[in-house]
Amino acid sequence: MIVIINYGVGNFGSVEKALRFIGKAVKISNDAKDVKDAEKIILPGVGAFRDAITFLEERELISVIKEEVAKGKPLLGICLGLQLLFEESEEGGLYKGLALLKGRVVRFEGDVKVPHMGWNSVSLAGSSYLLRGIPDNTYFYFANSYYADTKDRNVIKGITRYGIEFPSVVEKGNIFGTQFHPEKSGNIGLKVLENFANI
């Protein structure tokens, strides 16, 4: 069973439908017991970092997520979910994240339209489990005003250019993240979700 954590924001319904479409057992929950019983965990995207991390704190889910990841349980963060994996975010102030990966979430700057909306390509940056079987420079759907800035190049498995180059796929052990929305990226996005579900 894959548990999608409903943390008060996010498009968890679309992720659930996508997983059911590819034949995976899935449940939406913010109950600690469900997270502990899950085979895999997903933090879906859309919403504000502060609201999401505050919700997880109030439900005492931060420690549960960290404990389950430490046991080796696969975790996938989508869009905002990817950003929550990092140490902190500058969105609406400075807020601490799950700190499962090193780095800070920062806002796009320069001569680009914010938010970054629409289809953009992902360039492979090393061996990626999520992107297995997916061609280099494949297009996925994005909707983000912030991105993860990390000096740990080893976790970056996909790169997208939007004014600057930013990590669009991150992986470290059993921790995975996509800045794009696989559930909104057609058949190729379903392939990413399938790759994660088949771990």
C-alpha atoms as a PDB file:
ATOM      1  CA  MET A   1       0.000   0.000   0.000  1.00  0.00           C
ATOM      2  CA  ILE A   2       1.236   3.470  -0.946  1.00  0.00           C
ATOM      3  CA  VAL A   3       0.124   6.204   1.453  1.00  0.00           C
ATOM      4  CA  ILE A   4      -0.235   9.748   0.126  1.00  0.00           C
ATOM      5  CA  ILE A   5       0.049  12.133   3.048  1.00  0.00           C
ATOM      6  CA  ASN A   6      -2.753  14.687   3.088  1.00  0.00           C
ATOM      7  CA  TYR A   7      -1.121  17.624   4.862  1.00  0.00           C
ATOM      8  CA  GLY A   8      -3.875  20.122   4.248  1.00  0.00           C
ATOM      9  CA  VAL A   9      -2.525  21.365   0.926  1.00  0.00           C
ATOM     10  CA  GLY A  10      -1.534  19.604  -2.265  1.00  0.00           C
ATOM     11  CA  ASN A  11      -3.193  17.857  -5.159  1.00  0.00           C
ATOM     12  CA  PHE A  12      -3.285  14.469  -3.506  1.00  0.00           C
ATOM     13  CA  GLY A  13      -6.457  13.490  -5.392  1.00  0.00           C
ATOM     14  CA  SER A  14      -4.725  13.692  -8.773  1.00  0.00           C
ATOM     15  CA  VAL A  15      -1.796  11.627  -7.511  1.00  0.00           C
ATOM     16  CA  GLU A  16      -4.188   9.023  -6.121  1.00  0.00           C
ATOM     17  CA  LYS A  17      -6.042   8.754  -9.446  1.00  0.00           C
ATOM     18  CA  ALA A  18      -2.781   8.381 -11.366  1.00  0.00           C
ATOM     19  CA  LEU A  19      -1.589   5.571  -9.086  1.00  0.00           C
ATOM     20  CA  ARG A  20      -4.926   3.762  -9.252  1.00  0.00           C
ATOM     21  CA  PHE A  21      -4.822   4.101 -13.046  1.00  0.00           C
ATOM     22  CA  ILE A  22      -1.568   2.128 -13.142  1.00  0.00           C
ATOM     23  CA  GLY A  23      -3.043  -0.475 -10.800  1.00  0.00           C
ATOM     24  CA  LYS A  24      -1.425   0.434  -7.490  1.00  0.00           C
ATOM     25  CA  ALA A  25      -3.054   0.155  -4.059  1.00  0.00           C
ATOM     26  CA  VAL A  26      -3.146   3.626  -2.529  1.00  0.00           C
ATOM     27  CA  LYS A  27      -4.603   5.470   0.451  1.00  0.00           C
ATOM     28  CA  ILE A  28      -4.817   9.168   1.342  1.00  0.00           C
ATOM     29  CA  SER A  29      -4.206   9.758   5.037  1.00  0.00           C
ATOM     30  CA  ASN A  30      -2.610  11.974   7.670  1.00  0.00           C
ATOM     31  CA  ASP A  31      -2.779   9.299  10.350  1.00  0.00           C
ATOM     32  CA  ALA A  32       0.575   8.282  11.826  1.00  0.00           C
ATOM     33  CA  LYS A  33      -0.427   4.620  11.971  1.00  0.00           C
ATOM     34  CA  ASP A  34      -1.186   4.575   8.236  1.00  0.00           C
ATOM     35  CA  VAL A  35       2.190   6.148   7.487  1.00  0.00           C
ATOM     36  CA  LYS A  36       3.904   3.511   9.642  1.00  0.00           C
ATOM     37  CA  ASP A  37       1.960   0.692   7.973  1.00  0.00           C
ATOM     38  CA  ALA A  38       2.594   1.959   4.432  1.00  0.00           C
ATOM     39  CA  GLU A  39       5.015   0.256   2.069  1.00  0.00           C
ATOM     40  CA  LYS A  40       5.838   3.606   0.484  1.00  0.00           C
ATOM     41  CA  ILE A  41       5.055   7.262   1.253  1.00  0.00           C
ATOM     42  CA  ILE A  42       4.278  10.199  -1.053  1.00  0.00           C
ATOM     43  CA  LEU A  43       4.278  13.907  -0.160  1.00  0.00           C
ATOM     44  CA  PRO A  44       2.271  15.526  -2.994  1.00  0.00           C
ATOM     45  CA  GLY A  45       2.741  19.006  -4.420  1.00  0.00           C
ATOM     46  CA  VAL A  46       0.987  22.412  -4.592  1.00  0.00           C
ATOM     47  CA  GLY A  47       0.682  24.859  -1.691  1.00  0.00           C
ATOM     48  CA  ALA A  48       2.847  26.945   0.626  1.00  0.00           C
ATOM     49  CA  PHE A  49       5.873  25.527   2.438  1.00  0.00           C
ATOM     50  CA  ARG A  50       4.924  27.142   5.780  1.00  0.00           C
ATOM     51  CA  ASP A  51       1.393  25.730   5.750  1.00  0.00           C
ATOM     52  CA  ALA A  52       2.618  22.255   4.842  1.00  0.00           C
ATOM     53  CA  ILE A  53       5.392  21.999   7.415  1.00  0.00           C
ATOM     54  CA  THR A  54       3.133  23.507  10.120  1.00  0.00           C
ATOM     55  CA  PHE A  55       0.474  20.887   9.413  1.00  0.00           C
ATOM     56  CA  LEU A  56       3.024  18.076   9.626  1.00  0.00           C
ATOM     57  CA  GLU A  57       4.299  19.482  12.937  1.00  0.00           C
ATOM     58  CA  GLU A  58       0.813  19.771  14.417  1.00  0.00           C
ATOM     59  CA  ARG A  59      -0.012  16.172  13.473  1.00  0.00           C
ATOM     60  CA  GLU A  60       3.381  15.024  14.834  1.00  0.00           C
ATOM     61  CA  LEU A  61       4.142  13.485  11.457  1.00  0.00           C
ATOM     62  CA  ILE A  62       7.633  14.901  10.990  1.00  0.00           C
ATOM     63  CA  SER A  63       9.230  12.445  13.403  1.00  0.00           C
ATOM     64  CA  VAL A  64       7.147   9.588  11.964  1.00  0.00           C
ATOM     65  CA  ILE A  65       8.259  10.355   8.400  1.00  0.00           C
ATOM     66  CA  LYS A  66      11.901  10.578   9.467  1.00  0.00           C
ATOM     67  CA  GLU A  67      11.704   7.328  11.411  1.00  0.00           C
ATOM     68  CA  GLU A  68      10.129   5.451   8.512  1.00  0.00           C
ATOM     69  CA  VAL A  69      12.679   6.818   6.036  1.00  0.00           C
ATOM     70  CA  ALA A  70      15.485   5.832   8.422  1.00  0.00           C
ATOM     71  CA  LYS A  71      14.119   2.273   8.321  1.00  0.00           C
ATOM     72  CA  GLY A  72      14.499   2.300   4.534  1.00  0.00           C
ATOM     73  CA  LYS A  73      10.917   3.027   3.493  1.00  0.00           C
ATOM     74  CA  PRO A  74      10.767   4.753   0.073  1.00  0.00           C
ATOM     75  CA  LEU A  75       9.563   8.367   0.148  1.00  0.00           C
ATOM     76  CA  LEU A  76       8.609  10.455  -2.898  1.00  0.00           C
ATOM     77  CA  GLY A  77       8.163  14.228  -2.722  1.00  0.00           C
ATOM     78  CA  ILE A  78       6.316  15.918  -5.606  1.00  0.00           C
ATOM     79  CA  CYS A  79       6.790  19.677  -6.252  1.00  0.00           C
ATOM     80  CA  LEU A  80       6.256  21.191  -2.783  1.00  0.00           C
ATOM     81  CA  GLY A  81       6.843  17.671  -1.484  1.00  0.00           C
ATOM     82  CA  LEU A  82      10.344  17.741  -2.972  1.00  0.00           C
ATOM     83  CA  GLN A  83      11.005  21.110  -1.345  1.00  0.00           C
ATOM     84  CA  LEU A  84       9.949  19.766   2.062  1.00  0.00           C
ATOM     85  CA  LEU A  85      12.757  17.197   1.838  1.00  0.00           C
ATOM     86  CA  PHE A  86      15.379  19.931   2.231  1.00  0.00           C
ATOM     87  CA  GLU A  87      16.700  21.746   5.309  1.00  0.00           C
ATOM     88  CA  GLU A  88      14.832  25.022   4.972  1.00  0.00           C
ATOM     89  CA  SER A  89      12.794  27.285   2.713  1.00  0.00           C
ATOM     90  CA  GLU A  90      12.744  31.043   2.143  1.00  0.00           C
ATOM     91  CA  GLU A  91       9.098  30.999   1.088  1.00  0.00           C
ATOM     92  CA  GLY A  92       7.166  33.505   3.225  1.00  0.00           C
ATOM     93  CA  GLY A  93      10.032  33.778   5.721  1.00  0.00           C
ATOM     94  CA  LEU A  94      12.539  31.144   6.752  1.00  0.00           C
ATOM     95  CA  TYR A  95      11.120  27.768   7.739  1.00  0.00           C
ATOM     96  CA  LYS A  96      12.804  24.484   8.570  1.00  0.00           C
ATOM     97  CA  GLY A  97      12.049  21.482   6.360  1.00  0.00           C
ATOM     98  CA  LEU A  98      12.430  17.756   6.970  1.00  0.00           C
ATOM     99  CA  ALA A  99      16.214  18.042   6.473  1.00  0.00           C
ATOM    100  CA  LEU A 100      16.424  14.664   4.749  1.00  0.00           C
ATOM    101  CA  LEU A 101      18.506  16.362   2.045  1.00  0.00           C
ATOM    102  CA  LYS A 102      20.950  19.263   2.355  1.00  0.00           C
ATOM    103  CA  GLY A 103      20.027  22.593   0.803  1.00  0.00           C
ATOM    104  CA  ARG A 104      17.692  25.576   0.887  1.00  0.00           C
ATOM    105  CA  VAL A 105      14.542  26.283  -1.131  1.00  0.00           C
ATOM    106  CA  VAL A 106      14.811  29.687  -2.833  1.00  0.00           C
ATOM    107  CA  ARG A 107      12.708  31.809  -5.215  1.00  0.00           C
ATOM    108  CA  PHE A 108      13.403  32.184  -8.919  1.00  0.00           C
ATOM    109  CA  GLU A 109      15.050  35.519  -9.697  1.00  0.00           C
ATOM    110  CA  GLY A 110      16.048  37.400 -12.816  1.00  0.00           C
ATOM    111  CA  ASP A 111      14.318  37.794 -16.139  1.00  0.00           C
ATOM    112  CA  VAL A 112      11.868  34.915 -15.865  1.00  0.00           C
ATOM    113  CA  LYS A 113       8.138  34.798 -15.235  1.00  0.00           C
ATOM    114  CA  VAL A 114       7.236  33.556 -11.760  1.00  0.00           C
ATOM    115  CA  PRO A 115       5.653  31.138 -11.166  1.00  0.00           C
ATOM    116  CA  HIS A 116       7.319  28.761 -13.573  1.00  0.00           C
ATOM    117  CA  MET A 117       4.281  27.214 -15.259  1.00  0.00           C
ATOM    118  CA  GLY A 118       3.991  24.706 -18.065  1.00  0.00           C
ATOM    119  CA  TRP A 119       6.069  22.106 -19.874  1.00  0.00           C
ATOM    120  CA  ASN A 120       9.834  22.033 -19.597  1.00  0.00           C
ATOM    121  CA  SER A 121      12.520  19.468 -20.285  1.00  0.00           C
ATOM    122  CA  VAL A 122      14.486  17.410 -17.793  1.00  0.00           C
ATOM    123  CA  SER A 123      18.106  16.596 -18.582  1.00  0.00           C
ATOM    124  CA  LEU A 124      19.527  13.457 -17.031  1.00  0.00           C
ATOM    125  CA  ALA A 125      22.284  14.023 -14.480  1.00  0.00           C
ATOM    126  CA  GLY A 126      23.591  10.608 -13.590  1.00  0.00           C
ATOM    127  CA  SER A 127      21.819   7.322 -13.004  1.00  0.00           C
ATOM    128  CA  SER A 128      18.212   7.865 -11.934  1.00  0.00           C
ATOM    129  CA  TYR A 129      15.727   5.310 -10.659  1.00  0.00           C
ATOM    130  CA  LEU A 130      12.693   7.554 -11.209  1.00  0.00           C
ATOM    131  CA  LEU A 131      13.737   8.344 -14.784  1.00  0.00           C
ATOM    132  CA  ARG A 132      14.547   4.732 -15.697  1.00  0.00           C
ATOM    133  CA  GLY A 133      13.330   4.048 -19.225  1.00  0.00           C
ATOM    134  CA  ILE A 134      12.663   7.745 -19.908  1.00  0.00           C
ATOM    135  CA  PRO A 135      14.649   9.534 -22.648  1.00  0.00           C
ATOM    136  CA  ASP A 136      16.961  12.455 -21.892  1.00  0.00           C
ATOM    137  CA  ASN A 137      15.347  15.908 -22.268  1.00  0.00           C
ATOM    138  CA  THR A 138      11.805  14.579 -21.892  1.00  0.00           C
ATOM    139  CA  TYR A 139       9.200  17.261 -21.133  1.00  0.00           C
ATOM    140  CA  PHE A 140       7.216  17.306 -17.874  1.00  0.00           C
ATOM    141  CA  TYR A 141       4.675  19.716 -16.399  1.00  0.00           C
ATOM    142  CA  PHE A 142       5.908  22.263 -13.831  1.00  0.00           C
ATOM    143  CA  ALA A 143       4.162  24.750 -11.524  1.00  0.00           C
ATOM    144  CA  ASN A 144       6.626  26.302  -9.071  1.00  0.00           C
ATOM    145  CA  SER A 145       7.922  29.659  -7.860  1.00  0.00           C
ATOM    146  CA  TYR A 146      10.717  28.147  -5.768  1.00  0.00           C
ATOM    147  CA  TYR A 147      13.397  25.516  -6.318  1.00  0.00           C
ATOM    148  CA  ALA A 148      15.894  23.571  -4.228  1.00  0.00           C
ATOM    149  CA  ASP A 149      19.403  25.021  -4.124  1.00  0.00           C
ATOM    150  CA  THR A 150      21.818  22.317  -3.015  1.00  0.00           C
ATOM    151  CA  LYS A 151      25.589  21.929  -3.108  1.00  0.00           C
ATOM    152  CA  ASP A 152      25.244  18.144  -2.883  1.00  0.00           C
ATOM    153  CA  ARG A 153      25.542  17.329  -6.580  1.00  0.00           C
ATOM    154  CA  ASN A 154      25.255  13.608  -5.877  1.00  0.00           C
ATOM    155  CA  VAL A 155      21.530  13.861  -5.120  1.00  0.00           C
ATOM    156  CA  ILE A 156      20.703  15.665  -8.379  1.00  0.00           C
ATOM    157  CA  LYS A 157      19.499  13.204 -11.023  1.00  0.00           C
ATOM    158  CA  GLY A 158      17.579  15.564 -13.301  1.00  0.00           C
ATOM    159  CA  ILE A 159      18.175  19.212 -14.221  1.00  0.00           C
ATOM    160  CA  THR A 160      15.830  21.777 -15.764  1.00  0.00           C
ATOM    161  CA  ARG A 161      16.725  25.225 -17.070  1.00  0.00           C
ATOM    162  CA  TYR A 162      14.499  28.206 -16.270  1.00  0.00           C
ATOM    163  CA  GLY A 163      16.693  31.276 -16.119  1.00  0.00           C
ATOM    164  CA  ILE A 164      19.090  29.141 -14.094  1.00  0.00           C
ATOM    165  CA  GLU A 165      19.625  25.392 -13.906  1.00  0.00           C
ATOM    166  CA  PHE A 166      17.820  23.821 -10.968  1.00  0.00           C
ATOM    167  CA  PRO A 167      17.317  20.261  -9.681  1.00  0.00           C
ATOM    168  CA  SER A 168      14.104  18.782 -11.077  1.00  0.00           C
ATOM    169  CA  VAL A 169      14.776  15.210  -9.892  1.00  0.00           C
ATOM    170  CA  VAL A 170      16.588  14.318  -6.669  1.00  0.00           C
ATOM    171  CA  GLU A 171      17.402  10.898  -5.264  1.00  0.00           C
ATOM    172  CA  LYS A 172      19.379   9.682  -2.269  1.00  0.00           C
ATOM    173  CA  GLY A 173      18.962   6.089  -1.181  1.00  0.00           C
ATOM    174  CA  ASN A 174      15.257   5.600  -0.525  1.00  0.00           C
ATOM    175  CA  ILE A 175      14.488   9.348  -0.786  1.00  0.00           C
ATOM    176  CA  PHE A 176      13.113  10.620  -4.104  1.00  0.00           C
ATOM    177  CA  GLY A 177      11.734  13.902  -5.385  1.00  0.00           C
ATOM    178  CA  THR A 178      10.436  15.541  -8.555  1.00  0.00           C
ATOM    179  CA  GLN A 179       9.965  19.297  -8.904  1.00  0.00           C
ATOM    180  CA  PHE A 180       7.577  18.623 -11.791  1.00  0.00           C
ATOM    181  CA  HIS A 181       4.147  17.017 -11.474  1.00  0.00           C
ATOM    182  CA  PRO A 182       4.248  13.448 -12.835  1.00  0.00           C
ATOM    183  CA  GLU A 183       0.501  13.121 -12.253  1.00  0.00           C
ATOM    184  CA  LYS A 184      -0.038  16.014 -14.708  1.00  0.00           C
ATOM    185  CA  SER A 185       2.568  14.880 -17.259  1.00  0.00           C
ATOM    186  CA  GLY A 186       0.631  12.282 -19.247  1.00  0.00           C
ATOM    187  CA  ASN A 187       1.922   8.781 -19.922  1.00  0.00           C
ATOM    188  CA  ILE A 188       5.540   9.739 -19.313  1.00  0.00           C
ATOM    189  CA  GLY A 189       4.599  11.017 -15.862  1.00  0.00           C
ATOM    190  CA  LEU A 190       2.793   7.771 -15.129  1.00  0.00           C
ATOM    191  CA  LYS A 191       6.057   6.001 -15.934  1.00  0.00           C
ATOM    192  CA  VAL A 192       7.811   8.005 -13.199  1.00  0.00           C
ATOM    193  CA  LEU A 193       5.123   7.064 -10.668  1.00  0.00           C
ATOM    194  CA  GLU A 194       5.308   3.452 -11.796  1.00  0.00           C
ATOM    195  CA  ASN A 195       9.076   3.426 -11.336  1.00  0.00           C
ATOM    196  CA  PHE A 196       8.619   4.640  -7.764  1.00  0.00           C
ATOM    197  CA  ALA A 197       5.741   2.252  -7.049  1.00  0.00           C
ATOM    198  CA  ASN A 198       7.803  -0.700  -8.290  1.00  0.00           C
ATOM    199  CA  ILE A 199      10.752  -0.121  -5.970  1.00  0.00           C
END
